[in-house]
Amino acid sequence: MPEVTYTLDQSVKKINPRVPDIPLYVQYQWDEGNSHVRLTGLFRDMSYRDLITGANRFHAGWAAELSGKIAFTPSFTLFYQGAYGRGYAAYLNDLDGNGFDLVYSGTAGKMKAPRTANFELGARYNFSPRFFLAASYSQARMFGLSYMGSDTYRYGQYVSVSGFLDIVPDLSVGLEYLCLSRGTASLSGDRADVDRQHAHANRLTGMIKYSF
């Protein structure tokens, strides 16, 4: 029973969702499963209380996503995903918990599920069975929220590059650089608000792992 995140005003109130989110997908794969393409659909029935009329109201959220991977060679693989819909912000790392599944519409007692889009492209190259490099670019974007104020989220994006090496079968090391854009509180990319203000953050992460 997933949680719905809200941005409320004084005329509406949060209530618990009564219907689970419903995902459906169809997938085609080839090259012995090393490559595939998947089309996914998501339906959400989101609820809120209209304090003007004293009635519970329901708003449909939905998303459509195309995702997959293509193994061009045994060493090089491309990954991709892109989605568009309304009211599915809780499924995105940069938007989860920020109240963008349902937002006040500007009309007393009414809420709406804002338009949302996201995409990601990634690639991995295996130099050997023990060492690989990976890189990715991602963006999440909200539409039609300018009436909520100039500091409202418009989009965020990030670029990452990472490498992993198995020194011995049980000992691995990794290093990642991540660049984010926008005035976001997390150190993971770039964000731009409705007023077109930008901010950036950078992060370098290291890992040493021993398995036993």
N, C-alpha and C. Protein backbone atom coordinates (compact mmCIF):
# COMPACT_ATOMS: atom_id res chain seq x y z
N MET A 1 0.86 -1.19 0.00
CA MET A 1 0.00 0.00 0.00
C MET A 1 0.89 1.24 0.00
N PRO A 2 1.36 1.69 -1.15
CA PRO A 2 2.32 2.80 -1.19
C PRO A 2 1.74 4.10 -0.63
N GLU A 3 2.63 4.92 -0.11
CA GLU A 3 2.26 6.24 0.39
C GLU A 3 2.17 7.23 -0.77
N VAL A 4 1.22 8.15 -0.66
CA VAL A 4 1.09 9.26 -1.61
C VAL A 4 1.65 10.50 -0.93
N THR A 5 2.48 11.28 -1.64
CA THR A 5 3.03 12.51 -1.08
C THR A 5 2.19 13.69 -1.56
N TYR A 6 1.93 14.64 -0.65
CA TYR A 6 1.00 15.73 -0.91
C TYR A 6 1.67 17.08 -0.69
N THR A 7 1.23 18.08 -1.43
CA THR A 7 1.44 19.48 -1.10
C THR A 7 0.06 20.08 -0.89
N LEU A 8 -0.27 20.42 0.37
CA LEU A 8 -1.64 20.78 0.76
C LEU A 8 -1.78 22.28 0.97
N ASP A 9 -3.02 22.74 0.91
CA ASP A 9 -3.34 24.07 1.43
C ASP A 9 -4.42 23.89 2.49
N GLN A 10 -5.02 24.98 2.98
CA GLN A 10 -5.95 24.89 4.10
C GLN A 10 -7.29 24.28 3.72
N SER A 11 -7.56 24.07 2.44
CA SER A 11 -8.87 23.58 2.01
C SER A 11 -8.89 22.08 1.72
N VAL A 12 -7.73 21.40 1.88
CA VAL A 12 -7.67 19.96 1.60
C VAL A 12 -6.88 19.27 2.70
N LYS A 13 -7.09 17.96 2.82
CA LYS A 13 -6.45 17.18 3.87
C LYS A 13 -6.04 15.82 3.31
N LYS A 14 -4.94 15.33 3.78
CA LYS A 14 -4.46 14.01 3.38
C LYS A 14 -5.28 12.91 4.02
N ILE A 15 -5.62 11.86 3.24
CA ILE A 15 -6.21 10.64 3.78
C ILE A 15 -5.45 9.45 3.21
N ASN A 16 -5.57 8.31 3.87
CA ASN A 16 -4.81 7.13 3.45
C ASN A 16 -5.35 6.58 2.13
N PRO A 17 -4.45 6.15 1.22
CA PRO A 17 -4.92 5.54 -0.03
C PRO A 17 -5.60 4.21 0.25
N ARG A 18 -6.59 3.87 -0.58
CA ARG A 18 -7.37 2.66 -0.37
C ARG A 18 -7.13 1.59 -1.43
N VAL A 19 -6.45 1.93 -2.49
CA VAL A 19 -6.20 0.99 -3.59
C VAL A 19 -4.70 0.90 -3.82
N PRO A 20 -4.13 -0.31 -3.90
CA PRO A 20 -2.70 -0.43 -4.18
C PRO A 20 -2.37 0.10 -5.57
N ASP A 21 -1.13 0.55 -5.75
CA ASP A 21 -0.66 0.89 -7.08
C ASP A 21 -0.63 -0.37 -7.95
N ILE A 22 -0.99 -0.23 -9.21
CA ILE A 22 -1.11 -1.39 -10.10
C ILE A 22 -0.12 -1.23 -11.26
N PRO A 23 0.96 -2.03 -11.31
CA PRO A 23 1.89 -1.99 -12.44
C PRO A 23 1.62 -3.15 -13.40
N LEU A 24 1.84 -2.89 -14.67
CA LEU A 24 1.75 -3.92 -15.70
C LEU A 24 2.90 -3.69 -16.68
N TYR A 25 3.46 -4.77 -17.22
CA TYR A 25 4.51 -4.58 -18.21
C TYR A 25 4.52 -5.73 -19.21
N VAL A 26 5.06 -5.44 -20.38
CA VAL A 26 5.33 -6.46 -21.40
C VAL A 26 6.78 -6.28 -21.83
N GLN A 27 7.48 -7.39 -22.00
CA GLN A 27 8.92 -7.33 -22.27
C GLN A 27 9.28 -8.29 -23.40
N TYR A 28 10.20 -7.82 -24.26
CA TYR A 28 10.78 -8.67 -25.31
C TYR A 28 12.28 -8.70 -25.10
N GLN A 29 12.87 -9.90 -25.12
CA GLN A 29 14.30 -10.02 -24.91
C GLN A 29 14.93 -10.88 -25.99
N TRP A 30 16.22 -10.66 -26.22
CA TRP A 30 16.94 -11.41 -27.22
C TRP A 30 18.38 -11.58 -26.75
N ASP A 31 19.19 -12.22 -27.57
CA ASP A 31 20.59 -12.47 -27.23
C ASP A 31 20.70 -13.21 -25.90
N GLU A 32 19.88 -14.27 -25.77
CA GLU A 32 19.87 -15.10 -24.56
C GLU A 32 19.60 -14.29 -23.30
N GLY A 33 18.78 -13.24 -23.42
CA GLY A 33 18.40 -12.43 -22.27
C GLY A 33 19.37 -11.32 -21.94
N ASN A 34 20.47 -11.18 -22.69
CA ASN A 34 21.42 -10.10 -22.42
C ASN A 34 20.91 -8.74 -22.88
N SER A 35 19.91 -8.73 -23.77
CA SER A 35 19.29 -7.48 -24.23
C SER A 35 17.78 -7.61 -24.11
N HIS A 36 17.12 -6.50 -23.77
CA HIS A 36 15.66 -6.52 -23.71
C HIS A 36 15.11 -5.11 -23.84
N VAL A 37 13.82 -5.04 -24.16
CA VAL A 37 13.07 -3.78 -24.15
C VAL A 37 11.77 -4.05 -23.40
N ARG A 38 11.37 -3.13 -22.55
CA ARG A 38 10.19 -3.32 -21.71
C ARG A 38 9.31 -2.08 -21.75
N LEU A 39 8.02 -2.27 -21.91
CA LEU A 39 7.02 -1.21 -21.82
C LEU A 39 6.20 -1.45 -20.56
N THR A 40 6.20 -0.46 -19.67
CA THR A 40 5.55 -0.59 -18.36
C THR A 40 4.47 0.47 -18.21
N GLY A 41 3.36 0.09 -17.62
CA GLY A 41 2.30 1.02 -17.26
C GLY A 41 2.03 0.97 -15.76
N LEU A 42 1.68 2.11 -15.18
CA LEU A 42 1.40 2.20 -13.75
C LEU A 42 0.10 2.98 -13.56
N PHE A 43 -0.78 2.43 -12.71
CA PHE A 43 -2.02 3.14 -12.35
C PHE A 43 -2.05 3.34 -10.85
N ARG A 44 -2.40 4.57 -10.40
CA ARG A 44 -2.50 4.90 -8.99
C ARG A 44 -3.86 5.56 -8.72
N ASP A 45 -4.52 5.14 -7.68
CA ASP A 45 -5.77 5.76 -7.24
C ASP A 45 -5.47 6.52 -5.95
N MET A 46 -5.36 7.84 -6.04
CA MET A 46 -4.92 8.67 -4.92
C MET A 46 -6.10 9.43 -4.32
N SER A 47 -6.11 9.54 -2.99
CA SER A 47 -7.27 10.08 -2.27
C SER A 47 -6.90 11.33 -1.49
N TYR A 48 -7.90 12.20 -1.31
CA TYR A 48 -7.74 13.36 -0.42
C TYR A 48 -9.12 13.82 0.05
N ARG A 49 -9.12 14.65 1.07
CA ARG A 49 -10.35 15.16 1.67
C ARG A 49 -10.56 16.61 1.26
N ASP A 50 -11.68 16.88 0.63
CA ASP A 50 -12.08 18.23 0.27
C ASP A 50 -12.78 18.84 1.49
N LEU A 51 -12.10 19.78 2.18
CA LEU A 51 -12.66 20.36 3.40
C LEU A 51 -13.72 21.42 3.12
N ILE A 52 -13.84 21.85 1.88
CA ILE A 52 -14.88 22.81 1.51
C ILE A 52 -16.24 22.14 1.48
N THR A 53 -16.31 20.97 0.83
CA THR A 53 -17.58 20.23 0.71
C THR A 53 -17.70 19.10 1.72
N GLY A 54 -16.62 18.78 2.43
CA GLY A 54 -16.64 17.67 3.38
C GLY A 54 -16.69 16.32 2.71
N ALA A 55 -16.17 16.19 1.49
CA ALA A 55 -16.23 14.93 0.74
C ALA A 55 -14.82 14.41 0.48
N ASN A 56 -14.71 13.07 0.43
CA ASN A 56 -13.47 12.45 0.00
C ASN A 56 -13.44 12.43 -1.52
N ARG A 57 -12.30 12.76 -2.08
CA ARG A 57 -12.16 12.77 -3.53
C ARG A 57 -11.01 11.87 -3.94
N PHE A 58 -11.08 11.41 -5.18
CA PHE A 58 -10.11 10.46 -5.71
C PHE A 58 -9.55 11.00 -7.02
N HIS A 59 -8.25 10.84 -7.17
CA HIS A 59 -7.58 11.35 -8.36
C HIS A 59 -6.71 10.25 -8.94
N ALA A 60 -6.83 10.01 -10.23
CA ALA A 60 -6.05 8.96 -10.88
C ALA A 60 -4.65 9.46 -11.22
N GLY A 61 -3.66 8.67 -10.89
CA GLY A 61 -2.29 8.91 -11.34
C GLY A 61 -1.89 7.79 -12.27
N TRP A 62 -0.99 8.08 -13.18
CA TRP A 62 -0.56 7.06 -14.14
C TRP A 62 0.84 7.40 -14.66
N ALA A 63 1.49 6.40 -15.22
CA ALA A 63 2.79 6.60 -15.86
C ALA A 63 2.99 5.52 -16.91
N ALA A 64 3.71 5.87 -17.96
CA ALA A 64 4.13 4.92 -18.99
C ALA A 64 5.65 5.02 -19.11
N GLU A 65 6.32 3.88 -19.14
CA GLU A 65 7.77 3.87 -19.16
C GLU A 65 8.29 2.90 -20.22
N LEU A 66 9.31 3.33 -20.94
CA LEU A 66 10.06 2.47 -21.86
C LEU A 66 11.46 2.31 -21.29
N SER A 67 11.90 1.08 -21.12
CA SER A 67 13.21 0.83 -20.52
C SER A 67 13.83 -0.41 -21.14
N GLY A 68 15.13 -0.58 -20.89
CA GLY A 68 15.78 -1.78 -21.39
C GLY A 68 17.28 -1.65 -21.41
N LYS A 69 17.92 -2.63 -22.02
CA LYS A 69 19.37 -2.62 -22.19
C LYS A 69 19.71 -3.31 -23.50
N ILE A 70 20.82 -2.88 -24.10
CA ILE A 70 21.28 -3.46 -25.35
C ILE A 70 22.75 -3.82 -25.18
N ALA A 71 23.05 -5.11 -25.33
CA ALA A 71 24.43 -5.58 -25.26
C ALA A 71 24.99 -5.57 -26.68
N PHE A 72 25.70 -4.49 -27.03
CA PHE A 72 26.26 -4.38 -28.37
C PHE A 72 27.38 -5.39 -28.59
N THR A 73 28.19 -5.60 -27.56
CA THR A 73 29.26 -6.60 -27.59
C THR A 73 29.29 -7.25 -26.21
N PRO A 74 30.05 -8.33 -26.03
CA PRO A 74 30.17 -8.91 -24.68
C PRO A 74 30.74 -7.94 -23.66
N SER A 75 31.43 -6.88 -24.13
CA SER A 75 32.06 -5.94 -23.20
C SER A 75 31.27 -4.65 -23.01
N PHE A 76 30.44 -4.25 -23.99
CA PHE A 76 29.79 -2.94 -23.95
C PHE A 76 28.27 -3.09 -23.93
N THR A 77 27.63 -2.47 -22.91
CA THR A 77 26.18 -2.53 -22.74
C THR A 77 25.64 -1.13 -22.52
N LEU A 78 24.52 -0.82 -23.20
CA LEU A 78 23.82 0.45 -23.05
C LEU A 78 22.53 0.22 -22.29
N PHE A 79 22.24 1.07 -21.30
CA PHE A 79 21.01 1.00 -20.51
C PHE A 79 20.19 2.28 -20.73
N TYR A 80 18.87 2.16 -20.69
CA TYR A 80 18.04 3.34 -20.90
C TYR A 80 16.69 3.16 -20.22
N GLN A 81 16.09 4.29 -19.85
CA GLN A 81 14.72 4.30 -19.38
C GLN A 81 14.17 5.72 -19.49
N GLY A 82 12.88 5.81 -19.78
CA GLY A 82 12.21 7.09 -19.85
C GLY A 82 10.75 6.92 -19.51
N ALA A 83 10.19 7.86 -18.77
CA ALA A 83 8.79 7.74 -18.33
C ALA A 83 8.11 9.10 -18.39
N TYR A 84 6.79 9.05 -18.52
CA TYR A 84 5.97 10.26 -18.52
C TYR A 84 4.62 9.91 -17.90
N GLY A 85 4.04 10.85 -17.15
CA GLY A 85 2.73 10.59 -16.58
C GLY A 85 2.32 11.69 -15.62
N ARG A 86 1.39 11.34 -14.75
CA ARG A 86 0.89 12.26 -13.74
C ARG A 86 0.83 11.55 -12.39
N GLY A 87 1.36 12.22 -11.37
CA GLY A 87 1.20 11.70 -10.02
C GLY A 87 2.04 10.49 -9.68
N TYR A 88 3.21 10.34 -10.28
CA TYR A 88 4.07 9.21 -9.94
C TYR A 88 5.42 9.67 -9.36
N ALA A 89 5.49 10.88 -8.85
CA ALA A 89 6.75 11.44 -8.36
C ALA A 89 7.37 10.61 -7.24
N ALA A 90 6.57 9.91 -6.45
CA ALA A 90 7.10 9.11 -5.35
C ALA A 90 7.99 7.99 -5.84
N TYR A 91 7.93 7.66 -7.11
CA TYR A 91 8.77 6.60 -7.67
C TYR A 91 10.13 7.11 -8.13
N LEU A 92 10.39 8.40 -8.03
CA LEU A 92 11.65 8.98 -8.50
C LEU A 92 12.48 9.45 -7.31
N ASN A 93 13.75 9.10 -7.30
CA ASN A 93 14.62 9.42 -6.16
C ASN A 93 14.63 10.92 -5.85
N ASP A 94 14.74 11.75 -6.86
CA ASP A 94 14.89 13.19 -6.63
C ASP A 94 13.59 13.85 -6.17
N LEU A 95 12.44 13.20 -6.42
CA LEU A 95 11.15 13.81 -6.12
C LEU A 95 10.44 13.15 -4.95
N ASP A 96 10.83 11.95 -4.56
CA ASP A 96 10.15 11.24 -3.49
C ASP A 96 10.19 12.04 -2.19
N GLY A 97 9.05 12.16 -1.56
CA GLY A 97 8.96 12.85 -0.28
C GLY A 97 8.82 14.35 -0.38
N ASN A 98 8.76 14.90 -1.60
CA ASN A 98 8.65 16.35 -1.78
C ASN A 98 7.23 16.82 -2.06
N GLY A 99 6.26 15.93 -1.96
CA GLY A 99 4.87 16.34 -2.07
C GLY A 99 4.37 16.58 -3.48
N PHE A 100 4.89 15.86 -4.48
CA PHE A 100 4.54 16.13 -5.86
C PHE A 100 3.63 15.07 -6.49
N ASP A 101 3.12 14.09 -5.72
CA ASP A 101 2.13 13.18 -6.28
C ASP A 101 0.80 13.92 -6.49
N LEU A 102 0.34 14.59 -5.44
CA LEU A 102 -0.84 15.45 -5.51
C LEU A 102 -0.48 16.82 -4.96
N VAL A 103 -0.84 17.88 -5.67
CA VAL A 103 -0.58 19.25 -5.22
C VAL A 103 -1.88 20.04 -5.29
N TYR A 104 -1.96 21.09 -4.47
CA TYR A 104 -3.16 21.94 -4.54
C TYR A 104 -3.23 22.59 -5.92
N SER A 105 -4.42 22.69 -6.45
CA SER A 105 -4.61 23.12 -7.84
C SER A 105 -4.73 24.62 -8.00
N GLY A 106 -4.87 25.36 -6.91
CA GLY A 106 -5.15 26.79 -6.97
C GLY A 106 -6.63 27.09 -6.81
N THR A 107 -7.47 26.04 -6.85
CA THR A 107 -8.91 26.17 -6.60
C THR A 107 -9.21 25.53 -5.26
N ALA A 108 -9.91 26.23 -4.37
CA ALA A 108 -10.17 25.73 -3.02
C ALA A 108 -10.83 24.36 -3.06
N GLY A 109 -10.29 23.43 -2.27
CA GLY A 109 -10.86 22.10 -2.17
C GLY A 109 -10.45 21.13 -3.26
N LYS A 110 -9.64 21.58 -4.20
CA LYS A 110 -9.27 20.74 -5.34
C LYS A 110 -7.76 20.50 -5.36
N MET A 111 -7.38 19.29 -5.75
CA MET A 111 -5.97 18.94 -5.95
C MET A 111 -5.79 18.38 -7.35
N LYS A 112 -4.53 18.34 -7.79
CA LYS A 112 -4.25 17.77 -9.11
C LYS A 112 -2.97 16.96 -9.06
N ALA A 113 -2.85 16.04 -10.00
CA ALA A 113 -1.62 15.26 -10.16
C ALA A 113 -0.80 15.92 -11.27
N PRO A 114 0.32 16.54 -10.95
CA PRO A 114 1.07 17.30 -11.96
C PRO A 114 1.77 16.38 -12.97
N ARG A 115 1.98 16.92 -14.16
CA ARG A 115 2.72 16.20 -15.20
C ARG A 115 4.18 16.05 -14.78
N THR A 116 4.72 14.88 -15.01
CA THR A 116 6.08 14.54 -14.59
C THR A 116 6.75 13.74 -15.70
N ALA A 117 8.05 13.94 -15.87
CA ALA A 117 8.82 13.17 -16.84
C ALA A 117 10.20 12.91 -16.29
N ASN A 118 10.79 11.80 -16.69
CA ASN A 118 12.16 11.49 -16.31
C ASN A 118 12.79 10.57 -17.35
N PHE A 119 14.11 10.63 -17.44
CA PHE A 119 14.83 9.68 -18.31
C PHE A 119 16.24 9.49 -17.79
N GLU A 120 16.84 8.38 -18.20
CA GLU A 120 18.21 8.07 -17.82
C GLU A 120 18.86 7.26 -18.93
N LEU A 121 20.11 7.57 -19.22
CA LEU A 121 20.94 6.82 -20.15
C LEU A 121 22.21 6.39 -19.43
N GLY A 122 22.60 5.15 -19.62
CA GLY A 122 23.81 4.66 -18.97
C GLY A 122 24.56 3.70 -19.86
N ALA A 123 25.83 3.52 -19.58
CA ALA A 123 26.66 2.61 -20.35
C ALA A 123 27.67 1.95 -19.43
N ARG A 124 28.03 0.72 -19.78
CA ARG A 124 29.03 -0.02 -19.01
C ARG A 124 29.99 -0.69 -19.98
N TYR A 125 31.29 -0.59 -19.67
CA TYR A 125 32.29 -1.26 -20.49
C TYR A 125 33.17 -2.13 -19.59
N ASN A 126 33.23 -3.42 -19.91
CA ASN A 126 34.04 -4.37 -19.17
C ASN A 126 35.42 -4.47 -19.83
N PHE A 127 36.43 -3.93 -19.19
CA PHE A 127 37.78 -4.04 -19.72
C PHE A 127 38.33 -5.45 -19.54
N SER A 128 37.87 -6.11 -18.49
CA SER A 128 38.26 -7.49 -18.20
C SER A 128 37.21 -8.07 -17.27
N PRO A 129 37.25 -9.36 -16.98
CA PRO A 129 36.30 -9.92 -16.01
C PRO A 129 36.41 -9.31 -14.62
N ARG A 130 37.50 -8.60 -14.34
CA ARG A 130 37.73 -8.05 -13.00
C ARG A 130 37.56 -6.54 -12.92
N PHE A 131 37.44 -5.84 -14.07
CA PHE A 131 37.42 -4.38 -14.03
C PHE A 131 36.43 -3.83 -15.06
N PHE A 132 35.56 -2.89 -14.60
CA PHE A 132 34.65 -2.23 -15.54
C PHE A 132 34.46 -0.77 -15.15
N LEU A 133 34.09 0.05 -16.13
CA LEU A 133 33.70 1.44 -15.95
C LEU A 133 32.25 1.61 -16.36
N ALA A 134 31.54 2.52 -15.67
CA ALA A 134 30.15 2.82 -15.99
C ALA A 134 29.93 4.32 -15.92
N ALA A 135 28.98 4.81 -16.73
CA ALA A 135 28.64 6.23 -16.73
C ALA A 135 27.15 6.37 -17.00
N SER A 136 26.55 7.45 -16.48
CA SER A 136 25.12 7.66 -16.69
C SER A 136 24.78 9.14 -16.63
N TYR A 137 23.65 9.47 -17.27
CA TYR A 137 23.08 10.81 -17.20
C TYR A 137 21.59 10.66 -16.95
N SER A 138 21.04 11.49 -16.04
CA SER A 138 19.63 11.38 -15.70
C SER A 138 19.03 12.76 -15.49
N GLN A 139 17.72 12.87 -15.77
CA GLN A 139 17.00 14.10 -15.52
C GLN A 139 15.56 13.79 -15.11
N ALA A 140 15.04 14.55 -14.14
CA ALA A 140 13.64 14.49 -13.73
C ALA A 140 13.06 15.89 -13.84
N ARG A 141 11.81 16.00 -14.30
CA ARG A 141 11.25 17.31 -14.60
C ARG A 141 9.76 17.35 -14.22
N MET A 142 9.35 18.50 -13.64
CA MET A 142 7.94 18.77 -13.33
C MET A 142 7.42 19.86 -14.26
N PHE A 143 6.11 19.81 -14.54
CA PHE A 143 5.49 20.77 -15.44
C PHE A 143 4.26 21.41 -14.78
N GLY A 144 4.02 22.67 -15.12
CA GLY A 144 2.78 23.33 -14.73
C GLY A 144 2.66 23.68 -13.27
N LEU A 145 3.78 23.97 -12.59
CA LEU A 145 3.72 24.29 -11.16
C LEU A 145 4.16 25.71 -10.85
N SER A 146 4.23 26.58 -11.85
CA SER A 146 4.72 27.94 -11.62
C SER A 146 3.83 28.72 -10.67
N TYR A 147 2.53 28.37 -10.59
CA TYR A 147 1.62 29.08 -9.70
C TYR A 147 1.93 28.80 -8.23
N MET A 148 2.74 27.76 -7.94
CA MET A 148 3.06 27.41 -6.57
C MET A 148 4.22 28.23 -6.00
N GLY A 149 4.82 29.09 -6.81
CA GLY A 149 5.90 29.93 -6.30
C GLY A 149 7.18 29.75 -7.09
N SER A 150 8.03 30.78 -7.04
CA SER A 150 9.23 30.79 -7.85
C SER A 150 10.28 29.77 -7.41
N ASP A 151 10.22 29.30 -6.15
CA ASP A 151 11.21 28.34 -5.69
C ASP A 151 10.75 26.89 -5.83
N THR A 152 9.66 26.67 -6.57
CA THR A 152 9.16 25.32 -6.80
C THR A 152 10.07 24.56 -7.77
N TYR A 153 10.24 23.29 -7.52
CA TYR A 153 11.10 22.44 -8.33
C TYR A 153 10.66 22.46 -9.79
N ARG A 154 11.63 22.63 -10.70
CA ARG A 154 11.35 22.53 -12.14
C ARG A 154 12.03 21.30 -12.73
N TYR A 155 13.34 21.16 -12.53
CA TYR A 155 14.01 19.93 -12.94
C TYR A 155 15.29 19.74 -12.17
N GLY A 156 15.77 18.51 -12.13
CA GLY A 156 17.06 18.18 -11.57
C GLY A 156 17.76 17.20 -12.50
N GLN A 157 19.09 17.19 -12.49
CA GLN A 157 19.82 16.30 -13.36
C GLN A 157 21.14 15.91 -12.70
N TYR A 158 21.71 14.80 -13.16
CA TYR A 158 23.01 14.41 -12.64
C TYR A 158 23.79 13.62 -13.69
N VAL A 159 25.10 13.63 -13.52
CA VAL A 159 26.03 12.83 -14.32
C VAL A 159 26.91 12.04 -13.34
N SER A 160 27.11 10.78 -13.62
CA SER A 160 27.98 9.97 -12.76
C SER A 160 28.93 9.13 -13.60
N VAL A 161 30.13 8.91 -13.05
CA VAL A 161 31.14 8.04 -13.65
C VAL A 161 31.71 7.19 -12.52
N SER A 162 31.77 5.88 -12.73
CA SER A 162 32.25 5.00 -11.67
C SER A 162 33.07 3.85 -12.25
N GLY A 163 33.92 3.28 -11.41
CA GLY A 163 34.73 2.14 -11.80
C GLY A 163 34.85 1.16 -10.65
N PHE A 164 34.88 -0.14 -10.97
CA PHE A 164 34.98 -1.18 -9.95
C PHE A 164 36.04 -2.20 -10.37
N LEU A 165 36.83 -2.61 -9.40
CA LEU A 165 37.92 -3.56 -9.65
C LEU A 165 37.90 -4.65 -8.59
N ASP A 166 37.90 -5.91 -9.03
CA ASP A 166 38.06 -7.06 -8.13
C ASP A 166 39.54 -7.36 -8.02
N ILE A 167 40.14 -6.98 -6.91
CA ILE A 167 41.58 -7.20 -6.72
C ILE A 167 41.87 -8.69 -6.61
N VAL A 168 41.11 -9.36 -5.77
CA VAL A 168 41.08 -10.82 -5.66
C VAL A 168 39.62 -11.22 -5.58
N PRO A 169 39.27 -12.50 -5.70
CA PRO A 169 37.85 -12.88 -5.73
C PRO A 169 37.00 -12.32 -4.58
N ASP A 170 37.55 -12.13 -3.40
CA ASP A 170 36.78 -11.66 -2.26
C ASP A 170 36.96 -10.18 -1.95
N LEU A 171 37.86 -9.50 -2.63
CA LEU A 171 38.18 -8.11 -2.31
C LEU A 171 37.93 -7.22 -3.53
N SER A 172 37.06 -6.21 -3.36
CA SER A 172 36.71 -5.30 -4.44
C SER A 172 36.87 -3.86 -3.98
N VAL A 173 37.21 -2.98 -4.93
CA VAL A 173 37.28 -1.55 -4.67
C VAL A 173 36.50 -0.82 -5.75
N GLY A 174 35.98 0.36 -5.39
CA GLY A 174 35.21 1.14 -6.35
C GLY A 174 35.40 2.62 -6.09
N LEU A 175 35.21 3.43 -7.14
CA LEU A 175 35.32 4.88 -7.03
C LEU A 175 34.29 5.50 -7.95
N GLU A 176 33.55 6.52 -7.44
CA GLU A 176 32.51 7.16 -8.24
C GLU A 176 32.58 8.68 -8.08
N TYR A 177 32.41 9.38 -9.21
CA TYR A 177 32.25 10.84 -9.20
C TYR A 177 30.84 11.15 -9.66
N LEU A 178 30.14 12.02 -8.90
CA LEU A 178 28.76 12.37 -9.21
C LEU A 178 28.63 13.88 -9.20
N CYS A 179 28.05 14.43 -10.27
CA CYS A 179 27.82 15.87 -10.39
C CYS A 179 26.33 16.11 -10.52
N LEU A 180 25.78 16.95 -9.63
CA LEU A 180 24.36 17.27 -9.63
C LEU A 180 24.15 18.74 -9.92
N SER A 181 22.96 19.05 -10.43
CA SER A 181 22.68 20.43 -10.81
C SER A 181 21.30 20.82 -10.32
N ARG A 182 21.24 21.98 -9.65
CA ARG A 182 20.07 22.69 -9.12
C ARG A 182 20.25 22.97 -7.65
N GLY A 183 19.38 23.74 -7.02
CA GLY A 183 19.53 24.05 -5.60
C GLY A 183 18.93 22.99 -4.73
N THR A 184 19.37 21.76 -4.88
CA THR A 184 18.81 20.66 -4.13
C THR A 184 19.59 20.44 -2.85
N ALA A 185 18.93 19.89 -1.86
CA ALA A 185 19.58 19.68 -0.57
C ALA A 185 20.52 18.49 -0.59
N SER A 186 20.31 17.54 -1.51
CA SER A 186 21.15 16.36 -1.54
C SER A 186 22.36 16.58 -2.45
N LEU A 187 23.46 15.91 -2.14
CA LEU A 187 24.67 16.05 -2.95
C LEU A 187 24.62 15.05 -4.09
N SER A 188 23.74 15.28 -5.05
CA SER A 188 23.61 14.28 -6.11
C SER A 188 23.23 14.87 -7.45
N GLY A 189 23.50 16.12 -7.79
CA GLY A 189 23.22 16.59 -9.14
C GLY A 189 22.94 18.06 -9.24
N ASP A 190 22.10 18.40 -10.25
CA ASP A 190 21.78 19.80 -10.54
C ASP A 190 20.28 19.98 -10.50
N ARG A 191 19.84 21.12 -9.98
CA ARG A 191 18.42 21.41 -9.90
C ARG A 191 18.18 22.83 -10.37
N ALA A 192 17.06 23.03 -11.07
CA ALA A 192 16.63 24.37 -11.46
C ALA A 192 15.20 24.55 -10.98
N ASP A 193 14.91 25.69 -10.36
CA ASP A 193 13.57 25.97 -9.89
C ASP A 193 12.78 26.72 -10.95
N VAL A 194 11.50 26.98 -10.63
CA VAL A 194 10.63 27.68 -11.56
C VAL A 194 11.19 29.04 -11.94
N ASP A 195 11.84 29.73 -10.99
CA ASP A 195 12.41 31.04 -11.29
C ASP A 195 13.75 30.96 -12.01
N ARG A 196 14.12 29.73 -12.44
CA ARG A 196 15.33 29.45 -13.21
C ARG A 196 16.62 29.65 -12.42
N GLN A 197 16.52 29.62 -11.09
CA GLN A 197 17.71 29.62 -10.26
C GLN A 197 18.34 28.22 -10.30
N HIS A 198 19.66 28.17 -10.37
CA HIS A 198 20.38 26.91 -10.47
C HIS A 198 21.35 26.77 -9.30
N ALA A 199 21.68 25.53 -9.01
CA ALA A 199 22.77 25.25 -8.07
C ALA A 199 23.38 23.91 -8.46
N HIS A 200 24.60 23.68 -7.99
CA HIS A 200 25.34 22.48 -8.36
C HIS A 200 25.95 21.86 -7.11
N ALA A 201 26.17 20.56 -7.18
CA ALA A 201 26.86 19.86 -6.11
C ALA A 201 27.71 18.76 -6.73
N ASN A 202 28.80 18.42 -6.06
CA ASN A 202 29.70 17.38 -6.53
C ASN A 202 29.98 16.41 -5.39
N ARG A 203 30.14 15.14 -5.74
CA ARG A 203 30.40 14.14 -4.70
C ARG A 203 31.38 13.11 -5.24
N LEU A 204 32.33 12.73 -4.41
CA LEU A 204 33.28 11.66 -4.74
C LEU A 204 33.13 10.58 -3.68
N THR A 205 32.87 9.35 -4.12
CA THR A 205 32.60 8.25 -3.21
C THR A 205 33.57 7.10 -3.50
N GLY A 206 34.10 6.52 -2.45
CA GLY A 206 34.98 5.37 -2.57
C GLY A 206 34.43 4.18 -1.82
N MET A 207 34.81 2.98 -2.24
CA MET A 207 34.32 1.75 -1.60
C MET A 207 35.43 0.71 -1.54
N ILE A 208 35.54 0.06 -0.40
CA ILE A 208 36.36 -1.14 -0.25
C ILE A 208 35.46 -2.22 0.33
N LYS A 209 35.37 -3.37 -0.35
CA LYS A 209 34.47 -4.44 0.09
C LYS A 209 35.22 -5.76 0.17
N TYR A 210 35.07 -6.42 1.31
CA TYR A 210 35.62 -7.76 1.48
C TYR A 210 34.48 -8.71 1.80
N SER A 211 34.32 -9.76 1.02
CA SER A 211 33.24 -10.74 1.20
C SER A 211 33.78 -11.99 1.87
N PHE A 212 33.00 -12.48 2.84
CA PHE A 212 33.42 -13.71 3.53
C PHE A 212 32.19 -14.48 3.99
